[in-house]
Protein backbone atom coordinates (compact mmCIF):
# COMPACT_ATOMS: atom_id res chain seq x y z
CA UNK A 1 94.25 100.81 89.31
CA UNK A 2 97.14 100.12 86.99
CA UNK A 3 97.46 96.47 86.07
CA UNK A 4 99.50 94.55 83.54
CA UNK A 5 99.55 91.09 82.14
CA UNK A 6 102.28 88.71 83.25
CA UNK A 7 105.37 89.44 81.08
CA UNK A 8 106.95 86.76 78.92
CA UNK A 9 110.40 86.18 80.38
CA UNK A 10 113.47 84.56 78.95
CA UNK A 11 114.58 81.28 80.41
CA UNK A 12 116.47 81.82 83.67
CA UNK A 13 115.16 85.39 84.00
CA UNK A 14 113.56 86.25 87.34
CA UNK A 15 110.09 87.87 87.21
CA UNK A 16 111.13 90.58 89.68
CA UNK A 17 113.92 91.73 87.31
CA UNK A 18 111.47 92.82 84.59
CA UNK A 19 112.09 96.42 83.48
CA UNK A 20 109.72 98.98 81.94
CA UNK A 21 110.11 102.44 80.45
CA UNK A 22 111.08 105.21 82.87
CA UNK A 23 107.61 106.74 82.80
CA UNK A 24 105.80 103.47 83.51
CA UNK A 25 108.32 102.51 86.17
CA UNK A 26 107.73 105.70 88.14
CA UNK A 27 103.97 105.48 87.60
CA UNK A 28 103.92 102.00 89.12
CA UNK A 29 106.19 103.20 91.93
CA UNK A 30 103.80 106.07 92.67
CA UNK A 31 101.05 103.54 93.35
CA UNK A 32 103.16 102.06 96.13
CA UNK A 33 103.87 105.48 97.66
CA UNK A 34 100.21 106.43 97.75
CA UNK A 35 99.33 103.07 99.30
CA UNK A 36 101.77 103.41 102.19
CA UNK A 37 102.05 107.18 102.68
CA UNK A 38 99.43 107.44 105.42
CA UNK A 39 101.09 104.62 107.35
CA UNK A 40 104.60 106.02 107.13
CA UNK A 41 103.76 109.49 108.48
CA UNK A 42 101.60 108.29 111.41
CA UNK A 43 104.42 106.96 113.70
CA UNK A 44 106.47 110.19 113.73
CA UNK A 45 103.30 112.17 114.41
CA UNK A 46 102.44 109.93 117.38
CA UNK A 47 105.99 109.95 118.82
CA UNK A 48 106.43 113.67 118.25
CA UNK A 49 103.24 114.54 120.13
CA UNK A 50 104.06 112.10 122.93
CA UNK A 51 107.47 113.78 123.29
CA UNK A 52 105.86 117.24 123.42
CA UNK A 53 107.52 118.54 120.27
CA UNK A 54 106.26 121.61 118.42
CA UNK A 55 105.25 121.67 114.78
CA UNK A 56 108.66 122.29 113.19
CA UNK A 57 110.26 119.52 115.26
CA UNK A 58 107.53 117.06 114.35
CA UNK A 59 108.15 118.06 110.74
CA UNK A 60 111.77 116.95 111.14
CA UNK A 61 110.61 113.52 112.29
CA UNK A 62 108.20 113.23 109.35
CA UNK A 63 110.86 114.20 106.80
CA UNK A 64 113.33 111.78 108.39
CA UNK A 65 110.77 108.96 108.22
CA UNK A 66 110.23 109.57 104.49
CA UNK A 67 113.95 109.75 103.78
CA UNK A 68 114.85 106.60 105.73
CA UNK A 69 111.89 104.72 104.22
CA UNK A 70 113.13 105.63 100.75
CA UNK A 71 116.72 104.61 101.50
CA UNK A 72 115.60 101.33 103.12
CA UNK A 73 113.38 100.55 100.12
CA UNK A 74 116.29 101.08 97.73
CA UNK A 75 118.52 98.84 99.82
CA UNK A 76 115.88 96.11 99.95
CA UNK A 77 114.96 96.16 96.26
CA UNK A 78 118.27 96.95 94.52
CA UNK A 79 120.46 95.24 97.11
CA UNK A 80 124.17 95.02 97.74
CA UNK A 81 126.16 91.91 98.75
CA UNK A 82 124.63 90.38 101.91
CA UNK A 83 121.97 93.09 102.18
CA UNK A 84 118.63 93.22 100.34
CA UNK A 85 116.26 90.50 99.15
CA UNK A 86 115.98 92.08 95.67
CA UNK A 87 112.22 91.66 95.81
CA UNK A 88 109.43 94.25 95.29
CA UNK A 89 109.17 95.16 98.98
CA UNK A 90 108.63 98.73 100.11
CA UNK A 91 109.97 99.71 103.53
CA UNK A 92 108.45 102.14 106.00
CA UNK A 93 108.44 103.13 109.67
CA UNK A 94 107.17 100.15 111.63
CA UNK A 95 103.93 100.40 113.62
CA UNK A 96 105.17 97.55 115.84
CA UNK A 97 107.60 99.88 117.60
CA UNK A 98 105.24 102.82 118.24
CA UNK A 99 103.75 101.71 121.55
CA UNK A 100 107.18 100.83 122.96
CA UNK A 101 108.64 104.16 121.87
CA UNK A 102 105.74 106.06 123.44
CA UNK A 103 106.36 104.17 126.69
CA UNK A 104 110.05 105.08 126.62
CA UNK A 105 109.34 108.73 125.81
CA UNK A 106 106.75 109.15 128.56
CA UNK A 107 108.89 107.42 131.21
CA UNK A 108 111.43 110.28 131.32
CA UNK A 109 113.58 108.69 128.61
CA UNK A 110 112.83 111.18 125.88
CA UNK A 111 113.81 110.82 122.25
CA UNK A 112 117.54 110.25 123.05
CA UNK A 113 116.62 107.07 124.97
CA UNK A 114 114.40 105.97 122.06
CA UNK A 115 117.18 106.44 119.54
CA UNK A 116 119.72 104.72 121.80
CA UNK A 117 117.50 101.66 122.24
CA UNK A 118 116.88 101.44 118.48
CA UNK A 119 120.61 101.49 117.72
CA UNK A 120 121.40 98.65 120.13
CA UNK A 121 118.32 96.58 119.23
CA UNK A 122 119.04 96.99 115.51
CA UNK A 123 122.63 95.86 116.04
CA UNK A 124 121.38 92.80 117.94
CA UNK A 125 119.04 92.09 115.03
CA UNK A 126 121.97 92.25 112.62
CA UNK A 127 123.93 89.79 114.76
CA UNK A 128 121.12 87.22 115.01
CA UNK A 129 119.89 87.55 111.43
CA UNK A 130 122.02 84.59 110.16
CA UNK A 131 120.43 82.39 112.85
CA UNK A 132 116.95 83.85 112.67
CA UNK A 133 115.60 80.84 110.76
CA UNK A 134 116.11 78.85 113.97
CA UNK A 135 114.56 81.55 116.17
CA UNK A 136 111.44 82.18 114.07
CA UNK A 137 109.93 78.84 115.09
CA UNK A 138 109.20 80.41 118.46
CA UNK A 139 106.99 83.00 116.71
CA UNK A 140 104.16 80.96 115.16
CA UNK A 141 100.89 82.62 114.08
CA UNK A 142 99.41 82.28 117.58
CA UNK A 143 102.23 84.49 118.89
CA UNK A 144 102.50 86.98 116.01
CA UNK A 145 98.70 87.28 115.71
CA UNK A 146 98.44 88.09 119.42
CA UNK A 147 101.19 90.69 119.21
CA UNK A 148 99.75 92.38 116.12
CA UNK A 149 96.31 92.50 117.74
CA UNK A 150 97.76 94.19 120.82
CA UNK A 151 99.66 96.64 118.60
CA UNK A 152 96.38 97.83 117.10
CA UNK A 153 94.55 97.93 120.43
CA UNK A 154 97.38 99.86 122.11
CA UNK A 155 97.29 102.50 119.38
CA UNK A 156 93.54 103.13 119.56
CA UNK A 157 93.84 105.39 122.66
CA UNK A 158 96.15 107.57 120.57
CA UNK A 159 93.44 107.92 117.93
CA UNK A 160 90.80 108.75 120.58
CA UNK A 161 93.08 111.40 122.11
CA UNK A 162 93.58 112.90 118.65
CA UNK A 163 89.83 113.00 118.13
CA UNK A 164 89.47 115.05 121.29
CA UNK A 165 92.17 117.55 120.30
CA UNK A 166 95.57 115.95 120.77
CA UNK A 167 96.54 117.37 124.16
CA UNK A 168 94.56 118.04 127.32
CA UNK A 169 96.00 121.57 127.44
CA UNK A 170 94.88 122.36 123.88
CA UNK A 171 92.01 124.85 123.48
CA UNK A 172 88.72 123.07 122.92
CA UNK A 173 90.04 119.68 123.99
CA UNK A 174 87.14 117.23 124.02
CA UNK A 175 84.75 119.73 122.46
CA UNK A 176 81.88 118.71 120.24
CA UNK A 177 83.49 120.59 117.34
CA UNK A 178 86.69 118.52 117.56
CA UNK A 179 84.88 115.21 117.82
CA UNK A 180 82.48 116.18 115.02
CA UNK A 181 85.43 117.02 112.74
CA UNK A 182 86.95 113.61 113.53
CA UNK A 183 83.65 111.84 112.81
CA UNK A 184 83.29 113.65 109.48
CA UNK A 185 86.81 112.60 108.53
CA UNK A 186 86.01 109.01 109.52
CA UNK A 187 82.80 109.03 107.46
CA UNK A 188 84.69 110.37 104.43
CA UNK A 189 87.26 107.59 104.77
CA UNK A 190 84.51 104.96 105.03
CA UNK A 191 82.60 106.34 102.03
CA UNK A 192 85.73 106.47 99.91
CA UNK A 193 86.61 102.92 100.95
CA UNK A 194 83.11 101.80 99.98
CA UNK A 195 82.71 103.52 96.62
CA UNK A 196 86.25 103.79 95.24
CA UNK A 197 87.45 100.73 93.38
CA UNK A 198 90.82 99.02 93.00
CA UNK A 199 94.10 100.65 93.97
CA UNK A 200 92.53 104.08 94.43
CA UNK A 201 90.44 102.68 97.28
CA UNK A 202 93.73 102.28 99.17
CA UNK A 203 94.03 106.07 99.11
CA UNK A 204 90.89 106.46 101.19
CA UNK A 205 92.80 107.32 104.39
CA UNK A 206 95.07 109.81 102.65
CA UNK A 207 92.16 111.43 100.77
CA UNK A 208 90.07 111.46 103.95
CA UNK A 209 92.86 113.34 105.75
CA UNK A 210 93.02 115.86 102.91
CA UNK A 211 89.22 116.36 102.96
CA UNK A 212 89.17 116.71 106.74
CA UNK A 213 92.02 119.24 106.68
CA UNK A 214 90.27 121.32 104.01
CA UNK A 215 87.10 121.34 106.11
CA UNK A 216 89.06 122.29 109.23
CA UNK A 217 90.74 125.16 107.38
CA UNK A 218 87.34 126.40 106.16
CA UNK A 219 86.04 126.34 109.75
CA UNK A 220 89.10 128.07 111.17
CA UNK A 221 90.24 124.94 113.03
CA UNK A 222 93.60 124.58 111.25
CA UNK A 223 96.75 126.70 111.61
CA UNK A 224 99.35 126.55 108.87
CA UNK A 225 101.22 129.68 109.91
CA UNK A 226 104.32 127.67 110.90
CA UNK A 227 104.68 125.97 107.52
CA UNK A 228 106.82 128.79 106.18
CA UNK A 229 109.14 128.84 109.20
CA UNK A 230 112.12 126.99 107.77
CA UNK A 231 113.77 125.94 104.55
CA UNK A 232 111.87 124.29 101.73
CA UNK A 233 114.66 121.77 101.10
CA UNK A 234 117.52 120.74 103.37
CA UNK A 235 119.77 117.84 104.27
CA UNK A 236 118.94 116.11 107.56
CA UNK A 237 120.88 117.05 110.69
CA UNK A 238 122.34 113.97 112.42
CA UNK A 239 121.08 113.50 115.99
CA UNK A 240 119.05 116.67 115.84
CA UNK A 241 117.42 115.83 119.19
CA UNK A 242 120.60 115.14 121.10
CA UNK A 243 123.10 112.35 121.66
CA UNK A 244 121.52 108.91 122.09
CA UNK A 245 121.06 107.63 125.64
CA UNK A 246 121.29 103.92 126.42
CA UNK A 247 118.91 102.55 129.07
CA UNK A 248 118.72 98.83 129.88
CA UNK A 249 114.94 98.63 130.13
CA UNK A 250 114.43 100.56 126.90
CA UNK A 251 116.94 98.34 125.08
CA UNK A 252 115.22 95.15 126.28
CA UNK A 253 111.81 96.44 125.17
CA UNK A 254 113.09 97.54 121.78
CA UNK A 255 114.93 94.25 121.22
CA UNK A 256 111.67 92.37 121.70
CA UNK A 257 110.03 94.67 119.16
CA UNK A 258 112.90 94.20 116.71
CA UNK A 259 112.46 90.41 116.84
CA UNK A 260 108.77 90.94 116.05
CA UNK A 261 109.73 93.19 113.13
CA UNK A 262 112.13 90.54 111.84
CA UNK A 263 109.34 87.97 112.00
CA UNK A 264 107.00 90.24 110.03
CA UNK A 265 109.65 90.94 107.42
CA UNK A 266 110.40 87.23 107.00
CA UNK A 267 106.72 86.55 106.43
CA UNK A 268 106.47 89.39 103.91
CA UNK A 269 109.53 88.16 101.99
CA UNK A 270 108.10 84.66 101.72
CA UNK A 271 104.67 86.00 100.76
CA UNK A 272 105.90 88.31 98.02
CA UNK A 273 108.15 85.53 96.69
CA UNK A 274 105.09 83.32 96.25
CA UNK A 275 103.14 86.14 94.60
CA UNK A 276 105.94 86.98 92.19
CA UNK A 277 106.68 83.31 91.48
CA UNK A 278 110.36 83.41 92.27
CA UNK A 279 112.66 81.30 94.43
CA UNK A 280 113.08 82.44 98.04
CA UNK A 281 115.72 80.45 99.89
CA UNK A 282 117.12 80.97 103.43
CA UNK A 283 119.98 83.08 102.13
CA UNK A 284 117.60 85.46 100.41
CA UNK A 285 115.50 85.73 103.55
CA UNK A 286 118.63 86.45 105.54
CA UNK A 287 119.70 89.19 103.12
CA UNK A 288 116.26 90.78 103.38
CA UNK A 289 116.23 90.71 107.17
CA UNK A 290 119.78 92.13 107.30
CA UNK A 291 118.68 95.03 105.09
CA UNK A 292 115.80 95.68 107.50
CA UNK A 293 118.11 95.67 110.52
CA UNK A 294 120.75 97.81 108.80
CA UNK A 295 118.13 100.47 108.06
CA UNK A 296 116.82 100.21 111.62
CA UNK A 297 120.30 100.59 113.14
CA UNK A 298 121.17 103.64 111.08
CA UNK A 299 117.73 105.29 111.24
CA UNK A 300 118.41 107.14 114.57
CA UNK A 301 121.41 108.83 112.96
CA UNK A 302 118.90 110.67 110.74
CA UNK A 303 116.27 111.08 113.51
CA UNK A 304 114.03 108.23 112.43
CA UNK A 305 112.68 104.96 113.78
CA UNK A 306 112.75 101.20 112.97
CA UNK A 307 111.92 100.24 109.39
CA UNK A 308 110.07 97.17 108.18
CA UNK A 309 108.33 95.85 105.08
CA UNK A 310 104.79 97.14 104.55
CA UNK A 311 102.32 94.27 104.19
CA UNK A 312 99.74 96.40 102.35
CA UNK A 313 102.22 96.87 99.50
CA UNK A 314 102.66 93.12 99.27
CA UNK A 315 98.93 92.99 98.64
CA UNK A 316 99.30 95.70 96.00
CA UNK A 317 101.77 93.52 94.06
CA UNK A 318 99.20 90.72 94.06
CA UNK A 319 96.37 93.00 92.93
CA UNK A 320 98.18 94.83 90.12
CA UNK A 321 100.44 92.02 88.87
CA UNK A 322 103.34 94.46 88.68
CA UNK A 323 106.18 92.27 89.96
CA UNK A 324 109.16 94.41 89.03
CA UNK A 325 111.44 95.38 91.91
CA UNK A 326 112.57 98.34 89.85
CA UNK A 327 109.09 99.87 90.03
CA UNK A 328 109.24 99.68 93.84
CA UNK A 329 112.78 101.06 93.76
CA UNK A 330 111.46 104.05 91.78
CA UNK A 331 108.90 104.63 94.50
CA UNK A 332 111.69 104.46 97.10
CA UNK A 333 113.69 107.10 95.26
CA UNK A 334 110.66 109.42 95.28
CA UNK A 335 110.27 108.85 99.03
CA UNK A 336 113.94 109.72 99.52
CA UNK A 337 113.50 113.00 97.63
CA UNK A 338 110.36 113.87 99.63
CA UNK A 339 112.46 113.37 102.78
CA UNK A 340 114.73 116.19 101.65
CA UNK A 341 111.78 118.62 101.72
CA UNK A 342 111.24 119.72 105.34
CA UNK A 343 108.38 121.96 104.22
CA UNK A 344 106.38 118.82 103.46
CA UNK A 345 106.98 117.59 107.00
CA UNK A 346 105.76 120.90 108.42
CA UNK A 347 102.59 120.69 106.34
CA UNK A 348 101.88 117.21 107.71
CA UNK A 349 102.63 118.39 111.26
CA UNK A 350 100.02 121.14 110.86
CA UNK A 351 97.15 118.71 110.17
CA UNK A 352 94.59 119.16 112.98
CA UNK A 353 94.66 116.29 115.51
CA UNK A 354 90.90 115.57 115.17
CA UNK A 355 91.44 114.87 111.48
CA UNK A 356 94.23 112.45 112.30
CA UNK A 357 92.02 110.86 114.95
CA UNK A 358 89.21 110.15 112.52
CA UNK A 359 91.61 108.49 110.09
CA UNK A 360 93.47 106.80 112.94
CA UNK A 361 90.36 104.87 114.01
CA UNK A 362 90.46 103.06 110.66
CA UNK A 363 94.24 102.90 110.42
CA UNK A 364 94.95 101.53 113.88
CA UNK A 365 91.80 99.42 113.95
CA UNK A 366 92.97 97.78 110.73
CA UNK A 367 96.17 96.72 112.50
CA UNK A 368 94.15 95.02 115.24
CA UNK A 369 91.88 93.40 112.62
CA UNK A 370 94.94 92.07 110.80
CA UNK A 371 96.07 90.39 114.02
CA UNK A 372 92.62 88.89 114.54
CA UNK A 373 92.68 87.54 111.00
CA UNK A 374 96.03 85.86 111.76
CA UNK A 375 94.58 84.36 114.95
CA UNK A 376 91.64 82.96 112.95
CA UNK A 377 94.07 80.57 111.26
CA UNK A 378 95.33 79.14 114.56
CA UNK A 379 94.34 75.63 115.66
CA UNK A 380 92.46 75.77 118.96
CA UNK A 381 91.03 72.24 119.25
CA UNK A 382 92.89 70.03 121.76
CA UNK A 383 95.47 72.78 122.42
CA UNK A 384 95.97 75.54 124.96
CA UNK A 385 96.29 78.25 122.32
CA UNK A 386 93.06 79.84 123.49
CA UNK A 387 94.52 80.26 126.97
CA UNK A 388 97.73 81.62 125.47
CA UNK A 389 95.88 84.30 123.50
CA UNK A 390 93.66 85.20 126.45
CA UNK A 391 96.52 85.72 128.90
CA UNK A 392 98.88 87.46 126.46
CA UNK A 393 96.22 89.92 125.26
CA UNK A 394 95.26 90.64 128.86
CA UNK A 395 98.83 91.50 129.80
CA UNK A 396 99.07 93.64 126.68
CA UNK A 397 95.98 95.62 127.68
CA UNK A 398 97.10 96.25 131.30
CA UNK A 399 99.27 99.31 130.44
CA UNK A 400 96.30 100.80 128.57
CA UNK A 401 93.67 100.41 131.29
CA UNK A 402 96.04 100.92 134.25
CA UNK A 403 99.09 103.00 133.25
CA UNK A 404 100.44 103.03 136.85
CA UNK A 405 100.25 99.24 137.29
CA UNK A 406 104.04 98.73 137.18
CA UNK A 407 105.08 101.89 139.03
CA UNK A 408 106.06 99.89 142.13
CA UNK A 409 108.43 97.61 140.18
CA UNK A 410 112.13 98.30 139.37
CA UNK A 411 112.56 100.81 136.58
CA UNK A 412 113.76 98.30 134.00
CA UNK A 413 110.71 96.10 134.61
CA UNK A 414 108.40 99.06 134.17
CA UNK A 415 110.26 100.10 131.01
CA UNK A 416 109.65 96.66 129.48
CA UNK A 417 106.07 96.05 130.59
CA UNK A 418 104.78 99.63 130.27
CA UNK A 419 104.65 98.79 126.57
CA UNK A 420 101.68 96.56 125.92
CA UNK A 421 103.44 95.14 122.88
CA UNK A 422 106.49 94.07 124.89
CA UNK A 423 104.34 92.61 127.65
CA UNK A 424 102.17 90.66 125.20
CA UNK A 425 105.23 89.44 123.30
CA UNK A 426 107.02 88.18 126.43
CA UNK A 427 103.93 86.39 127.76
CA UNK A 428 103.00 84.92 124.35
CA UNK A 429 106.50 83.55 123.69
CA UNK A 430 106.84 82.07 127.20
CA UNK A 431 103.39 80.43 127.08
CA UNK A 432 104.03 79.13 123.57
CA UNK A 433 107.17 77.44 124.84
CA UNK A 434 105.28 76.01 127.80
CA UNK A 435 102.14 74.89 125.94
CA UNK A 436 103.38 73.98 122.45
CA UNK A 437 107.14 73.36 122.53
CA UNK A 438 107.70 71.42 125.75
CA UNK A 439 106.41 67.85 125.39
CA UNK A 440 106.77 66.77 128.99
CA UNK A 441 103.56 66.67 130.99
CA UNK A 442 101.34 67.53 128.04
CA UNK A 443 97.79 66.18 128.31
CA UNK A 444 95.81 64.90 125.39
CA UNK A 445 92.66 66.42 126.78
CA UNK A 446 92.04 70.15 126.47
CA UNK A 447 91.73 72.37 129.50
CA UNK A 448 88.31 73.22 130.91
CA UNK A 449 88.62 76.67 129.28
CA UNK A 450 89.29 75.21 125.85
CA UNK A 451 86.59 72.58 126.28
CA UNK A 452 84.07 75.20 127.30
CA UNK A 453 85.02 77.38 124.37
CA UNK A 454 84.74 74.43 121.99
CA UNK A 455 81.27 73.64 123.36
CA UNK A 456 80.17 77.24 122.87
CA UNK A 457 81.60 77.14 119.36
CA UNK A 458 79.62 73.99 118.55
CA UNK A 459 76.43 75.62 119.82
CA UNK A 460 77.15 78.78 117.88
CA UNK A 461 77.83 76.80 114.70
CA UNK A 462 74.56 74.86 115.13
CA UNK A 463 72.65 78.09 115.66
CA UNK A 464 74.25 79.58 112.59
CA UNK A 465 73.39 76.46 110.57
CA UNK A 466 69.74 76.62 111.65
CA UNK A 467 69.62 80.33 110.89
CA UNK A 468 71.07 79.71 107.44
CA UNK A 469 68.55 76.91 106.79
CA UNK A 470 65.66 79.13 107.87
CA UNK A 471 66.68 81.99 105.57
CA UNK A 472 67.33 79.55 102.72
CA UNK A 473 63.77 78.19 103.05
CA UNK A 474 62.41 81.72 103.31
CA UNK A 475 64.29 82.78 100.17
CA UNK A 476 63.01 79.72 98.33
CA UNK A 477 59.40 80.48 99.30
CA UNK A 478 59.75 84.13 98.25
CA UNK A 479 61.23 83.08 94.93
CA UNK A 480 58.37 80.64 94.37
CA UNK A 481 55.78 83.31 95.15
CA UNK A 482 57.50 85.78 92.86
CA UNK A 483 57.58 83.24 90.05
CA UNK A 484 53.88 82.51 90.58
CA UNK A 485 53.05 86.20 90.30
CA UNK A 486 55.09 86.53 87.14
CA UNK A 487 53.39 83.48 85.65
CA UNK A 488 49.98 84.92 86.48
CA UNK A 489 50.89 88.21 84.84
CA UNK A 490 52.07 86.45 81.69
CA UNK A 491 48.79 84.49 81.42
CA UNK A 492 46.75 87.61 82.17
CA UNK A 493 48.21 89.50 79.19
CA UNK A 494 46.21 87.36 76.75
CA UNK A 495 42.95 88.53 78.31
CA UNK A 496 41.12 91.70 77.39
CA UNK A 497 40.86 93.66 80.66
CA UNK A 498 38.55 92.94 83.48
CA UNK A 499 38.92 95.24 86.44
CA UNK A 500 40.68 98.49 87.06
CA UNK A 501 43.83 97.81 84.99
CA UNK A 502 44.02 95.25 82.24
CA UNK A 503 46.44 92.46 82.93
CA UNK A 504 47.37 93.64 86.41
CA UNK A 505 47.35 91.56 89.57
CA UNK A 506 44.85 93.95 91.13
CA UNK A 507 42.44 93.28 88.28
CA UNK A 508 42.82 89.51 88.63
CA UNK A 509 41.96 89.38 92.36
CA UNK A 510 38.23 89.76 91.89
CA UNK A 511 37.30 88.43 95.30
CA UNK A 512 39.82 90.49 97.25
CA UNK A 513 41.08 87.38 99.00
CA UNK A 514 44.71 87.76 97.95
CA UNK A 515 44.40 84.87 95.47
CA UNK A 516 44.76 85.69 91.81
CA UNK A 517 41.62 84.64 89.85
CA UNK A 518 43.37 83.37 86.72
CA UNK A 519 40.96 81.72 84.27
CA UNK A 520 41.89 79.67 81.21
CA UNK A 521 41.22 81.56 77.98
CA UNK A 522 40.51 79.85 74.69
CA UNK A 523 41.31 81.60 71.43
CA UNK A 524 38.31 83.46 69.99
CA UNK A 525 36.53 83.91 73.34
CA UNK A 526 36.12 86.70 75.88
CA UNK A 527 35.48 86.31 79.61
CA UNK A 528 31.85 86.15 80.55
CA UNK A 529 32.40 88.54 83.43
CA UNK A 530 34.16 91.10 81.25
CA UNK A 531 32.36 94.42 80.71
CA UNK A 532 29.85 94.07 77.91
CA UNK A 533 29.89 90.26 77.84
CA UNK A 534 26.52 88.51 77.41
CA UNK A 535 24.88 87.05 80.49
CA UNK A 536 24.80 83.31 79.84
CA UNK A 537 25.21 80.19 81.86
CA UNK A 538 28.63 79.70 80.41
CA UNK A 539 31.72 81.45 81.62
CA UNK A 540 32.88 82.08 78.07
CA UNK A 541 31.02 83.13 74.93
CA UNK A 542 32.11 83.19 71.31
CA UNK A 543 34.06 86.31 70.51
CA UNK A 544 31.96 87.01 67.48
CA UNK A 545 28.62 87.08 69.37
CA UNK A 546 28.41 90.81 69.81
CA UNK A 547 24.93 91.57 68.54
CA UNK A 548 23.32 91.25 71.97
CA UNK A 549 25.93 93.22 73.93
CA UNK A 550 24.68 96.44 75.57
CA UNK A 551 25.63 99.49 73.65
CA UNK A 552 26.41 97.63 70.46
CA UNK A 553 24.22 97.50 67.35
CA UNK A 554 23.96 94.31 65.30
CA UNK A 555 25.64 94.62 61.96
């Protein structure tokens, strides 16, 4: 991991404006690319497979995602008037939109409907960005944590399908070989996460995918024959998948997702400002959100999807201490260049689905875990937040466990609620307004559900306290016994052996009762029960009295 000490800055100089040599700048930027690369290529792979695209077409989506991520990062870090927070924030394809886009694609909308909804939703985001500070209050942690949790849970079926082979029509779908390959990839990711240290541990998913792909190629389970079918470098073709189509239900769903993305970006801007130690005012937040929405609105032109700040890279800034926005901008420029290499996209598209599934279990599960961590900070005592989370998560899971649940509803309703993320967001926002914003009719006493949960929590905490006390006493007893054994060994070293091994605990336990027979030893004496000691009524005899010992001749 590359780390630096905090630079000494001139008065009035912002920490994020610090500049380094070209080599160091690109080295630091490369850290950011490696940290986020696995996350930025996963959404186009998921959407491409859901849309039924072949390898070369999926490669176009991957290249477009890299190119747009690079351009969005440059806009966010370098900035132009009214656009860009000028903070070390790297942009990438948002996971928050994946489930909604899959729902649109699989409901006869296709990629044109996806791109059309993104354009309109991004434009709406641009319009409301100056007023977003007033809107964000309706997205407290209890709402955002619920949504993020549902995002991770809704993506897990994708990972499981990949583990089985990617498509039900694929040869060997669900075979032991496919699942075993996925499990091996997962184990590699876990081992790398456990034993690699620092920044390089963040490469565990990427390195796990590489290791799994190499193994698949060795076993004949990978096909890279299509990698050479196309140019190595090329400019993107605008609207390569057709003219955008605008559907009301898809636009509503995507607008909800865009508001969630704006909330995440706002949180990331504030967080990285605190880490860097620079001033973040409402205008700077607004500029950052506008940059996000501008990139999102223009992304469909280049065949890509909504962009947002990557939280894992915010963590990287905190770990390394590299606060320069120019280092992140260097990483963005590298991403942009990689997006001009379609051959790279075709290589990624050729990765066997089971390999992606093994890595996806960690990747998508981490998203759900991040939401749970946000929910852990929510206040549940004397509130109805527990009920809010329970109902919103349940509605978010309905499309996963019962995909045909909304088939009898009007098409626009199905388009909105077929996405678990949209359903969870709508329910969470409405219940937050009802439970936490509206004062009328609010009771000071919690509901029976909250009270029951609180009672269970008290019992669980008491059980955990007792368990901790028990193990603390057990540890103390074991430490005391260990210290007693060590003390006995130290005292035994002054004795001249008696038993099988001199000075050992086995030699000291003469009676075999598990109690060490440690006897006081005076200088110049030997134990009476030691081999060769004289038989007297005393336990100890003078050390010099050797003339009567068996086998010894008096001098």
